[in-house]
N, C-alpha and C. Protein backbone atom coordinates (compact mmCIF):
# COMPACT_ATOMS: atom_id res chain seq x y z
N MET A 1 44.21 10.29 187.16
CA MET A 1 44.36 9.86 188.69
C MET A 1 45.50 10.80 189.18
N ALA A 2 45.46 11.00 190.49
CA ALA A 2 46.79 12.08 191.13
C ALA A 2 47.56 10.82 191.45
N LYS A 3 49.01 11.19 191.46
CA LYS A 3 49.98 10.26 192.07
C LYS A 3 51.01 10.71 192.77
N ILE A 4 51.53 10.27 193.66
CA ILE A 4 52.70 10.69 194.02
C ILE A 4 54.11 9.84 193.59
N VAL A 5 55.30 10.53 193.54
CA VAL A 5 56.44 10.15 192.75
C VAL A 5 57.46 10.40 193.84
N ASP A 6 58.26 9.39 194.20
CA ASP A 6 59.42 9.70 194.96
C ASP A 6 59.14 10.10 196.40
N GLY A 7 57.88 10.12 197.08
CA GLY A 7 57.66 10.74 198.24
C GLY A 7 57.53 11.94 198.47
N THR A 8 58.09 12.79 197.66
CA THR A 8 57.80 14.38 197.76
C THR A 8 57.12 14.96 196.44
N LYS A 9 57.17 14.14 195.31
CA LYS A 9 56.76 14.90 194.08
C LYS A 9 55.11 14.36 193.77
N VAL A 10 54.35 15.25 193.74
CA VAL A 10 52.89 15.11 193.22
C VAL A 10 52.46 15.51 192.02
N ILE A 11 51.98 14.52 191.47
CA ILE A 11 51.05 14.91 190.10
C ILE A 11 49.56 15.20 190.55
N THR A 12 48.64 16.19 190.35
CA THR A 12 47.67 16.40 190.96
C THR A 12 46.35 15.90 190.05
N ASN A 13 45.31 15.86 190.70
CA ASN A 13 44.13 16.02 189.60
C ASN A 13 43.89 17.22 189.19
N GLU A 14 42.60 17.53 188.43
CA GLU A 14 42.35 18.92 187.97
C GLU A 14 42.14 19.79 189.03
N GLY A 15 42.36 20.88 188.73
CA GLY A 15 42.53 22.02 189.65
C GLY A 15 42.54 23.35 188.52
N ARG A 16 42.43 24.41 189.25
CA ARG A 16 42.24 25.60 188.89
C ARG A 16 43.53 26.55 189.04
N LEU A 17 44.14 27.32 188.06
CA LEU A 17 45.13 28.13 188.35
C LEU A 17 44.54 29.68 188.71
N SER A 18 45.48 30.14 189.74
CA SER A 18 45.05 31.62 190.14
C SER A 18 46.37 32.20 190.37
N TYR A 19 46.63 33.79 190.02
CA TYR A 19 47.62 34.34 190.15
C TYR A 19 48.83 33.51 189.39
N ALA A 20 48.73 32.96 188.20
CA ALA A 20 49.38 32.29 187.23
C ALA A 20 50.42 33.07 186.83
N LYS A 21 51.65 32.77 186.99
CA LYS A 21 53.11 33.49 186.20
C LYS A 21 54.10 32.49 185.81
N LEU A 22 53.48 32.00 184.44
CA LEU A 22 53.95 30.74 183.78
C LEU A 22 54.71 31.09 182.70
N LEU A 23 54.33 32.28 182.17
CA LEU A 23 55.08 32.64 180.77
C LEU A 23 56.58 33.35 181.02
N GLU A 24 56.18 34.62 181.97
CA GLU A 24 57.34 35.16 182.26
C GLU A 24 57.51 35.36 184.16
N PRO A 25 58.35 35.39 184.67
CA PRO A 25 58.71 35.72 186.05
C PRO A 25 58.11 36.51 186.53
N GLY A 26 57.70 36.82 187.86
CA GLY A 26 57.25 37.92 188.58
C GLY A 26 58.10 38.96 188.11
N LYS A 27 57.58 40.13 188.34
CA LYS A 27 58.28 41.49 187.98
C LYS A 27 59.12 42.12 189.08
N GLU A 28 59.69 43.08 189.00
CA GLU A 28 60.48 43.88 190.06
C GLU A 28 59.60 44.30 190.95
N GLY A 29 59.71 44.13 192.50
CA GLY A 29 59.04 44.76 193.29
C GLY A 29 57.99 44.05 193.80
N GLU A 30 57.32 42.76 192.83
CA GLU A 30 56.52 41.85 193.11
C GLU A 30 56.93 40.95 194.30
N MET A 31 55.82 40.28 194.84
CA MET A 31 56.44 39.34 195.86
C MET A 31 56.99 38.42 195.37
N ASP A 32 56.81 37.77 194.30
CA ASP A 32 57.46 36.80 193.51
C ASP A 32 58.47 36.97 192.36
N GLU A 33 58.96 38.10 192.82
CA GLU A 33 60.34 38.79 191.54
C GLU A 33 60.82 37.67 191.39
N GLY A 34 61.43 37.55 189.97
CA GLY A 34 62.15 36.32 189.37
C GLY A 34 61.71 35.15 189.58
N LYS A 35 60.46 34.74 189.96
CA LYS A 35 60.19 33.37 189.80
C LYS A 35 58.78 33.28 189.16
N TYR A 36 58.75 32.18 188.81
CA TYR A 36 57.43 31.63 187.88
C TYR A 36 56.53 30.95 189.12
N GLY A 37 55.13 30.77 188.75
CA GLY A 37 54.65 30.31 189.79
C GLY A 37 53.00 30.43 189.49
N THR A 38 52.19 29.73 190.59
CA THR A 38 50.55 30.02 190.58
C THR A 38 50.26 29.54 191.88
N ALA A 39 48.86 30.01 191.98
CA ALA A 39 48.22 29.33 193.20
C ALA A 39 47.24 28.29 192.66
N PHE A 40 47.27 26.78 193.16
CA PHE A 40 46.57 25.91 192.58
C PHE A 40 45.54 25.77 193.44
N LEU A 41 44.00 25.94 193.15
CA LEU A 41 42.88 25.75 193.66
C LEU A 41 42.41 24.09 193.39
N ILE A 42 42.16 23.65 194.72
CA ILE A 42 41.81 22.28 194.41
C ILE A 42 40.50 21.90 195.21
N PRO A 43 39.71 21.44 194.35
CA PRO A 43 38.34 21.34 195.02
C PRO A 43 38.27 20.30 196.20
N LYS A 44 37.33 20.70 197.37
CA LYS A 44 37.59 19.96 198.59
C LYS A 44 37.01 18.60 198.57
N THR A 45 36.31 18.31 197.36
CA THR A 45 35.85 17.15 196.89
C THR A 45 37.06 16.19 196.36
N ASP A 46 38.06 16.78 196.14
CA ASP A 46 39.20 15.96 195.63
C ASP A 46 40.20 15.46 196.54
N LYS A 47 39.87 14.63 197.28
CA LYS A 47 40.14 13.97 198.70
C LYS A 47 41.54 13.21 198.10
N GLU A 48 41.55 12.73 197.08
CA GLU A 48 43.06 12.15 196.60
C GLU A 48 44.11 12.82 196.22
N THR A 49 43.59 14.15 195.74
CA THR A 49 44.85 15.02 195.47
C THR A 49 45.34 15.62 196.79
N VAL A 50 44.62 16.32 197.73
CA VAL A 50 44.69 16.60 199.07
C VAL A 50 45.56 15.52 200.01
N LYS A 51 45.06 14.35 199.90
CA LYS A 51 45.90 13.28 200.83
C LYS A 51 47.31 13.02 200.05
N LEU A 52 47.67 13.31 198.84
CA LEU A 52 48.83 13.12 198.51
C LEU A 52 49.76 14.39 198.65
N LEU A 53 49.10 15.44 198.56
CA LEU A 53 49.84 16.49 198.96
C LEU A 53 50.29 16.70 200.66
N ARG A 54 49.53 15.91 201.17
CA ARG A 54 49.72 16.05 202.74
C ARG A 54 50.78 15.16 203.04
N GLN A 55 50.64 13.90 202.27
CA GLN A 55 51.96 12.92 202.45
C GLN A 55 53.14 13.40 202.05
N ALA A 56 53.10 14.20 200.89
CA ALA A 56 54.34 14.95 200.36
C ALA A 56 55.08 15.86 201.50
N VAL A 57 54.11 16.67 202.03
CA VAL A 57 54.54 17.69 203.25
C VAL A 57 54.93 16.94 204.18
N GLU A 58 54.48 15.66 204.94
CA GLU A 58 55.04 15.02 205.70
C GLU A 58 56.55 14.49 205.42
N GLN A 59 56.72 14.06 204.12
CA GLN A 59 57.96 13.61 203.90
C GLN A 59 59.08 14.69 204.04
N ALA A 60 58.53 15.68 203.23
CA ALA A 60 59.36 16.96 203.49
C ALA A 60 59.89 17.55 204.84
N MET A 61 58.63 17.31 205.77
CA MET A 61 59.19 17.60 206.96
C MET A 61 60.31 16.74 207.63
N ALA A 62 59.83 15.53 207.25
CA ALA A 62 60.79 14.24 207.66
C ALA A 62 62.17 14.65 206.90
N ASP A 63 62.21 14.85 206.25
CA ASP A 63 63.61 15.53 205.28
C ASP A 63 64.14 16.49 205.93
N GLY A 64 63.43 17.47 206.45
CA GLY A 64 63.53 18.93 206.92
C GLY A 64 64.39 18.18 208.39
N THR A 65 63.59 17.52 208.87
CA THR A 65 64.05 17.03 210.68
C THR A 65 65.59 16.38 210.42
N LYS A 66 65.59 15.51 209.20
CA LYS A 66 67.18 15.11 209.16
C LYS A 66 68.36 16.00 208.54
N GLU A 67 67.93 16.90 207.70
CA GLU A 67 68.73 17.77 207.10
C GLU A 67 69.01 19.08 207.93
N PHE A 68 67.94 19.64 208.73
CA PHE A 68 68.04 20.91 209.47
C PHE A 68 67.94 20.31 210.69
N LYS A 69 68.05 19.25 211.49
CA LYS A 69 67.75 18.93 212.95
C LYS A 69 66.66 19.82 213.30
N TRP A 70 65.44 19.69 213.00
CA TRP A 70 64.23 20.38 213.34
C TRP A 70 63.58 19.46 214.53
N THR A 71 63.31 20.28 215.46
CA THR A 71 62.51 19.54 216.61
C THR A 71 60.85 19.67 216.44
N ASN A 72 60.59 19.12 217.43
CA ASN A 72 59.15 19.10 217.38
C ASN A 72 58.49 20.61 217.49
N LYS A 73 59.19 21.05 218.38
CA LYS A 73 58.86 22.54 218.42
C LYS A 73 58.86 23.34 217.17
N ASP A 74 60.10 23.13 216.62
CA ASP A 74 60.14 23.76 215.21
C ASP A 74 58.95 23.80 214.33
N ILE A 75 58.72 22.19 214.22
CA ILE A 75 57.48 21.99 213.34
C ILE A 75 56.38 22.34 213.86
N SER A 76 56.17 22.60 215.12
CA SER A 76 54.55 22.87 215.64
C SER A 76 54.36 24.45 215.48
N LYS A 77 55.58 25.28 215.20
CA LYS A 77 55.54 26.49 214.58
C LYS A 77 55.19 26.74 213.11
N MET A 78 55.31 25.82 212.34
CA MET A 78 55.48 25.91 210.91
C MET A 78 53.79 26.10 210.26
N ASP A 79 53.67 26.91 209.32
CA ASP A 79 52.41 26.97 208.78
C ASP A 79 52.21 25.87 207.70
N ASN A 80 50.91 25.50 207.73
CA ASN A 80 50.65 24.44 206.68
C ASN A 80 50.64 24.98 205.12
N PRO A 81 51.29 24.50 204.35
CA PRO A 81 51.43 25.05 202.73
C PRO A 81 50.23 24.52 202.00
N ILE A 82 49.26 23.90 202.74
CA ILE A 82 48.01 23.61 201.97
C ILE A 82 46.96 24.40 202.81
N LYS A 83 46.64 25.35 202.03
CA LYS A 83 45.71 26.61 202.74
C LYS A 83 44.16 25.95 202.39
N ASP A 84 43.26 26.56 203.43
CA ASP A 84 41.95 26.47 203.31
C ASP A 84 41.14 27.59 202.46
N GLY A 85 40.78 27.37 201.35
CA GLY A 85 40.29 28.65 200.58
C GLY A 85 38.97 29.44 201.15
N ASP A 86 38.33 28.75 202.00
CA ASP A 86 37.36 29.44 202.75
C ASP A 86 37.68 30.30 203.74
N GLU A 87 39.09 30.11 204.33
CA GLU A 87 39.58 31.11 205.16
C GLU A 87 39.86 32.36 204.64
N VAL A 88 40.25 32.44 203.05
CA VAL A 88 40.14 33.74 202.29
C VAL A 88 39.32 34.50 202.22
N GLY A 89 38.12 34.37 202.44
CA GLY A 89 36.68 35.13 202.78
C GLY A 89 36.20 35.58 201.57
N GLU A 90 35.37 36.58 201.64
CA GLU A 90 34.70 36.95 200.54
C GLU A 90 35.58 37.78 199.54
N GLU A 91 36.56 38.23 199.98
CA GLU A 91 37.62 38.87 199.07
C GLU A 91 37.91 38.21 197.56
N ASP A 92 37.78 36.66 197.79
CA ASP A 92 38.01 36.04 196.52
C ASP A 92 37.31 34.85 196.64
N SER A 93 35.98 35.04 196.01
CA SER A 93 35.23 34.05 196.17
C SER A 93 35.48 32.46 195.39
N VAL A 94 36.14 32.96 194.19
CA VAL A 94 36.91 31.52 193.56
C VAL A 94 37.41 30.67 194.37
N TYR A 95 38.07 30.96 195.55
CA TYR A 95 38.59 30.17 196.48
C TYR A 95 37.73 29.27 197.41
N SER A 96 36.38 29.60 197.36
CA SER A 96 35.42 28.93 198.31
C SER A 96 35.27 27.46 197.93
N ASN A 97 35.37 26.60 198.76
CA ASN A 97 35.16 25.31 198.81
C ASN A 97 36.38 24.70 198.01
N CYS A 98 37.32 25.29 198.29
CA CYS A 98 38.76 24.61 197.64
C CYS A 98 39.75 24.94 198.79
N PHE A 99 40.77 23.86 198.56
CA PHE A 99 41.99 24.13 199.28
C PHE A 99 42.89 24.74 198.09
N TYR A 100 44.07 25.37 198.52
CA TYR A 100 44.72 25.87 197.57
C TYR A 100 46.46 25.56 198.19
N ILE A 101 47.44 25.43 197.29
CA ILE A 101 48.73 25.52 197.52
C ILE A 101 49.41 26.81 196.61
N ASN A 102 50.31 27.13 196.96
CA ASN A 102 51.12 27.97 196.08
C ASN A 102 52.50 27.28 195.87
N ALA A 103 52.80 27.22 194.40
CA ALA A 103 53.78 26.77 193.82
C ALA A 103 54.78 27.79 193.15
N ARG A 104 55.98 27.88 193.24
CA ARG A 104 56.73 28.70 192.57
C ARG A 104 58.01 27.94 192.10
N SER A 105 58.89 28.70 191.57
CA SER A 105 60.17 28.21 190.74
C SER A 105 61.11 29.20 190.22
N LYS A 106 62.16 28.95 190.02
CA LYS A 106 63.24 29.89 189.49
C LYS A 106 63.39 29.62 188.07
N ARG A 107 63.06 28.15 187.66
CA ARG A 107 62.90 27.58 186.40
C ARG A 107 61.81 27.81 185.73
N LYS A 108 61.46 28.13 184.44
CA LYS A 108 60.26 28.40 183.85
C LYS A 108 59.78 26.94 183.55
N PRO A 109 58.45 26.90 184.11
CA PRO A 109 57.82 25.45 183.91
C PRO A 109 57.58 25.08 182.60
N GLN A 110 57.47 23.80 182.22
CA GLN A 110 56.58 23.75 180.67
C GLN A 110 55.47 23.41 181.14
N VAL A 111 54.68 24.36 180.12
CA VAL A 111 53.26 24.18 179.73
C VAL A 111 52.83 23.60 178.81
N ILE A 112 52.01 22.60 178.53
CA ILE A 112 51.67 21.73 177.81
C ILE A 112 49.90 21.53 177.52
N ASN A 113 49.50 21.11 176.46
CA ASN A 113 48.01 20.98 176.32
C ASN A 113 47.87 19.12 176.38
N THR A 114 46.67 18.80 176.05
CA THR A 114 46.39 17.10 176.13
C THR A 114 47.12 16.64 174.89
N ASN A 115 47.39 17.49 173.78
CA ASN A 115 48.00 17.17 172.83
C ASN A 115 49.45 17.18 172.74
N ARG A 116 49.81 17.48 173.80
CA ARG A 116 51.43 17.51 173.95
C ARG A 116 51.89 18.65 173.48
N GLU A 117 51.45 19.63 173.03
CA GLU A 117 51.86 20.89 172.34
C GLU A 117 52.12 21.82 173.47
N PRO A 118 53.39 22.68 173.45
CA PRO A 118 53.90 23.50 174.09
C PRO A 118 52.64 24.82 174.18
N LEU A 119 52.50 25.69 175.32
CA LEU A 119 51.64 26.42 175.23
C LEU A 119 52.31 27.91 175.59
N THR A 120 52.29 28.80 174.78
CA THR A 120 53.60 30.06 174.81
C THR A 120 52.83 31.28 174.83
N THR A 121 51.44 31.58 175.12
CA THR A 121 50.74 32.68 174.58
C THR A 121 49.68 32.88 175.73
N GLU A 122 49.61 34.35 176.12
CA GLU A 122 48.97 34.57 177.06
C GLU A 122 47.16 34.12 176.80
N ASP A 123 46.99 34.03 175.67
CA ASP A 123 45.55 33.55 175.19
C ASP A 123 45.65 31.86 175.60
N ASP A 124 46.40 31.29 175.47
CA ASP A 124 46.54 29.75 176.16
C ASP A 124 46.64 29.65 177.52
N VAL A 125 47.61 30.34 178.29
CA VAL A 125 48.07 30.32 179.56
C VAL A 125 47.65 31.66 180.34
N TYR A 126 46.63 30.94 181.51
CA TYR A 126 46.30 32.41 182.01
C TYR A 126 45.53 31.90 183.53
N SER A 127 45.43 32.83 184.63
CA SER A 127 44.56 32.38 185.88
C SER A 127 42.94 32.22 185.42
N GLY A 128 42.75 31.14 185.78
CA GLY A 128 41.41 30.76 185.53
C GLY A 128 41.10 29.30 184.72
N MET A 129 42.35 29.08 184.22
CA MET A 129 42.39 27.80 183.15
C MET A 129 42.40 26.58 184.18
N TYR A 130 41.84 25.50 183.80
CA TYR A 130 41.79 24.23 184.47
C TYR A 130 43.18 23.42 184.04
N ALA A 131 43.70 22.80 184.95
CA ALA A 131 44.81 22.02 184.76
C ALA A 131 45.30 21.10 185.92
N LYS A 132 46.24 20.19 185.48
CA LYS A 132 47.05 19.38 186.24
C LYS A 132 48.35 20.27 186.47
N ILE A 133 48.99 19.91 187.78
CA ILE A 133 50.27 20.48 187.95
C ILE A 133 51.21 19.32 188.45
N SER A 134 52.37 19.46 188.24
CA SER A 134 53.40 18.46 188.82
C SER A 134 54.27 19.60 190.11
N VAL A 135 53.99 19.11 191.19
CA VAL A 135 54.67 19.77 192.38
C VAL A 135 55.84 19.15 193.10
N THR A 136 56.90 19.55 193.76
CA THR A 136 57.63 18.82 194.61
C THR A 136 57.75 19.62 196.02
N ALA A 137 57.49 19.10 197.19
CA ALA A 137 57.27 19.85 198.30
C ALA A 137 58.73 19.63 198.66
N PHE A 138 59.20 20.56 199.39
CA PHE A 138 60.49 20.62 199.90
C PHE A 138 60.65 21.44 201.39
N PRO A 139 61.74 21.20 201.85
CA PRO A 139 61.71 21.70 203.44
C PRO A 139 62.81 22.82 203.26
N TYR A 140 62.83 24.05 203.84
CA TYR A 140 63.64 25.42 204.09
C TYR A 140 63.88 25.69 204.99
N ASP A 141 64.88 26.07 205.64
CA ASP A 141 65.54 26.72 206.81
C ASP A 141 66.48 27.81 206.52
N LYS A 142 65.76 29.18 206.07
CA LYS A 142 66.42 30.42 205.79
C LYS A 142 65.91 31.41 206.49
N GLY A 143 66.25 31.28 207.98
CA GLY A 143 66.08 32.28 208.62
C GLY A 143 64.23 32.02 209.34
N SER A 144 63.60 31.50 208.39
CA SER A 144 62.14 30.94 208.73
C SER A 144 62.26 29.60 208.25
N LYS A 145 61.32 28.60 208.98
CA LYS A 145 61.39 27.16 208.89
C LYS A 145 60.19 26.91 208.16
N GLY A 146 60.12 26.01 207.41
CA GLY A 146 58.85 24.99 206.81
C GLY A 146 58.92 24.18 205.72
N VAL A 147 57.77 23.84 205.06
CA VAL A 147 57.64 23.40 203.82
C VAL A 147 57.10 24.16 202.60
N SER A 148 57.48 24.02 201.71
CA SER A 148 56.87 24.97 200.58
C SER A 148 56.89 23.73 199.36
N PHE A 149 56.21 24.23 197.87
CA PHE A 149 56.06 23.62 197.01
C PHE A 149 56.65 24.07 195.53
N SER A 150 57.58 23.33 194.99
CA SER A 150 58.33 24.09 193.81
C SER A 150 57.35 23.43 192.80
N LEU A 151 57.00 24.33 191.53
CA LEU A 151 56.53 24.07 190.55
C LEU A 151 57.50 23.15 189.61
N ASN A 152 56.64 22.30 189.12
CA ASN A 152 57.46 21.53 188.01
C ASN A 152 56.89 21.78 186.63
N ASN A 153 55.73 21.31 186.01
CA ASN A 153 55.29 21.78 184.89
C ASN A 153 53.92 21.65 185.00
N VAL A 154 53.18 21.92 183.82
CA VAL A 154 51.81 22.22 183.95
C VAL A 154 50.89 21.74 182.73
N LEU A 155 49.89 20.84 182.89
CA LEU A 155 48.94 20.05 181.86
C LEU A 155 47.93 21.05 181.82
N LYS A 156 47.60 21.54 180.88
CA LYS A 156 46.37 22.24 180.64
C LYS A 156 45.36 21.34 180.17
N LEU A 157 44.07 21.46 180.83
CA LEU A 157 42.76 20.24 180.33
C LEU A 157 41.93 21.25 179.69
N ARG A 158 41.63 22.50 180.23
CA ARG A 158 40.35 22.88 179.73
C ARG A 158 40.68 24.41 180.06
N ASP A 159 40.00 25.14 179.14
CA ASP A 159 39.60 26.65 179.33
C ASP A 159 38.62 26.91 180.47
N GLY A 160 38.78 28.06 181.06
CA GLY A 160 37.83 28.50 182.34
C GLY A 160 37.79 29.82 182.24
N GLU A 161 36.79 30.65 182.93
CA GLU A 161 36.48 31.84 183.12
C GLU A 161 37.80 32.62 183.75
N ARG A 162 38.43 33.64 182.88
CA ARG A 162 39.32 34.33 183.28
C ARG A 162 39.16 35.11 184.69
N LEU A 163 40.38 34.90 185.54
CA LEU A 163 40.30 35.52 186.83
C LEU A 163 40.98 36.81 186.86
N SER A 164 41.19 37.18 185.59
CA SER A 164 41.98 38.67 185.78
C SER A 164 41.26 40.00 186.05
N GLY A 165 39.87 39.57 185.79
CA GLY A 165 38.88 40.86 185.90
C GLY A 165 38.86 41.84 184.71
N ALA A 166 39.61 41.35 183.65
CA ALA A 166 39.63 42.18 182.33
C ALA A 166 38.62 41.55 181.47
N ALA A 167 37.65 42.23 180.68
CA ALA A 167 36.82 41.49 179.78
C ALA A 167 37.37 41.56 178.58
N SER A 168 36.93 40.22 177.73
CA SER A 168 37.47 40.03 176.45
C SER A 168 36.73 41.23 175.47
N ALA A 169 37.51 41.02 174.41
CA ALA A 169 37.07 42.12 173.10
C ALA A 169 35.46 41.62 172.73
N GLU A 170 35.49 40.29 172.70
CA GLU A 170 34.27 40.07 172.04
C GLU A 170 33.04 40.40 173.25
N ASP A 171 32.99 40.18 174.36
CA ASP A 171 32.34 40.64 175.20
C ASP A 171 32.04 42.20 175.13
N ASP A 172 33.17 43.19 175.23
CA ASP A 172 33.04 44.41 174.98
C ASP A 172 32.27 45.01 173.84
N PHE A 173 32.40 44.03 172.86
CA PHE A 173 31.89 44.54 171.40
C PHE A 173 30.98 43.57 171.16
N ALA A 174 30.14 42.97 171.72
CA ALA A 174 29.09 41.76 171.42
C ALA A 174 27.88 42.28 170.66
N GLU A 175 27.63 43.68 170.95
CA GLU A 175 26.50 44.26 170.11
C GLU A 175 26.88 44.51 168.67
N ASP A 176 28.14 44.84 168.34
CA ASP A 176 28.78 45.09 167.11
C ASP A 176 29.22 43.97 166.38
N LEU A 177 29.13 42.65 167.08
CA LEU A 177 29.58 41.69 166.33
C LEU A 177 28.61 40.65 166.09
N GLU A 178 27.23 41.03 165.71
CA GLU A 178 26.43 40.26 165.43
C GLU A 178 26.62 39.45 164.24
N ASP A 179 26.27 38.03 163.99
CA ASP A 179 26.35 37.18 162.94
C ASP A 179 25.82 37.57 161.71
N ASP A 180 24.81 38.50 161.88
CA ASP A 180 23.97 38.84 160.68
C ASP A 180 24.92 39.82 159.96
N ASP A 181 25.88 40.56 160.76
CA ASP A 181 27.08 41.24 159.90
C ASP A 181 27.84 41.01 159.03
N LEU A 182 28.11 39.78 159.05
CA LEU A 182 29.04 38.86 158.14
C LEU A 182 28.55 38.88 156.73
């Protein structure tokens, strides 16, 4: 069950990771240079998680209004950090019928499985796996103004088809790996 903590921190229901950089930060020259993060896909049927994320965004906007003296005009110009995956178009069909958020952090998130074991390899942590995440909505006002999500931690729930586009060795060599050869 999804839940909200302290007004801006949300623990989600199950979703899927895309563009996951959880073991090492983004490399030099990448958009997320020096940051860990992921896009998190939320099925549109998960109204609970979406509702809680929206509440956290509203609280972060209220915090920004107090802290940065935002006006209604400022707020009306801000992008919603909860995006509609159907607007991504055909370029990435995995986003269809989903909402998604981008969550980043300079701090490396802890990634664990349901047995509370830390996951530290690319075999275990990858784009396409299903997980719950902990995020915190926060206001920012550094040239542009808005609300974003900071990634706290990740709980891997189950494996999923990798979104990297790379084939596995088992798939590439399936004909050579017959059980009869053992």
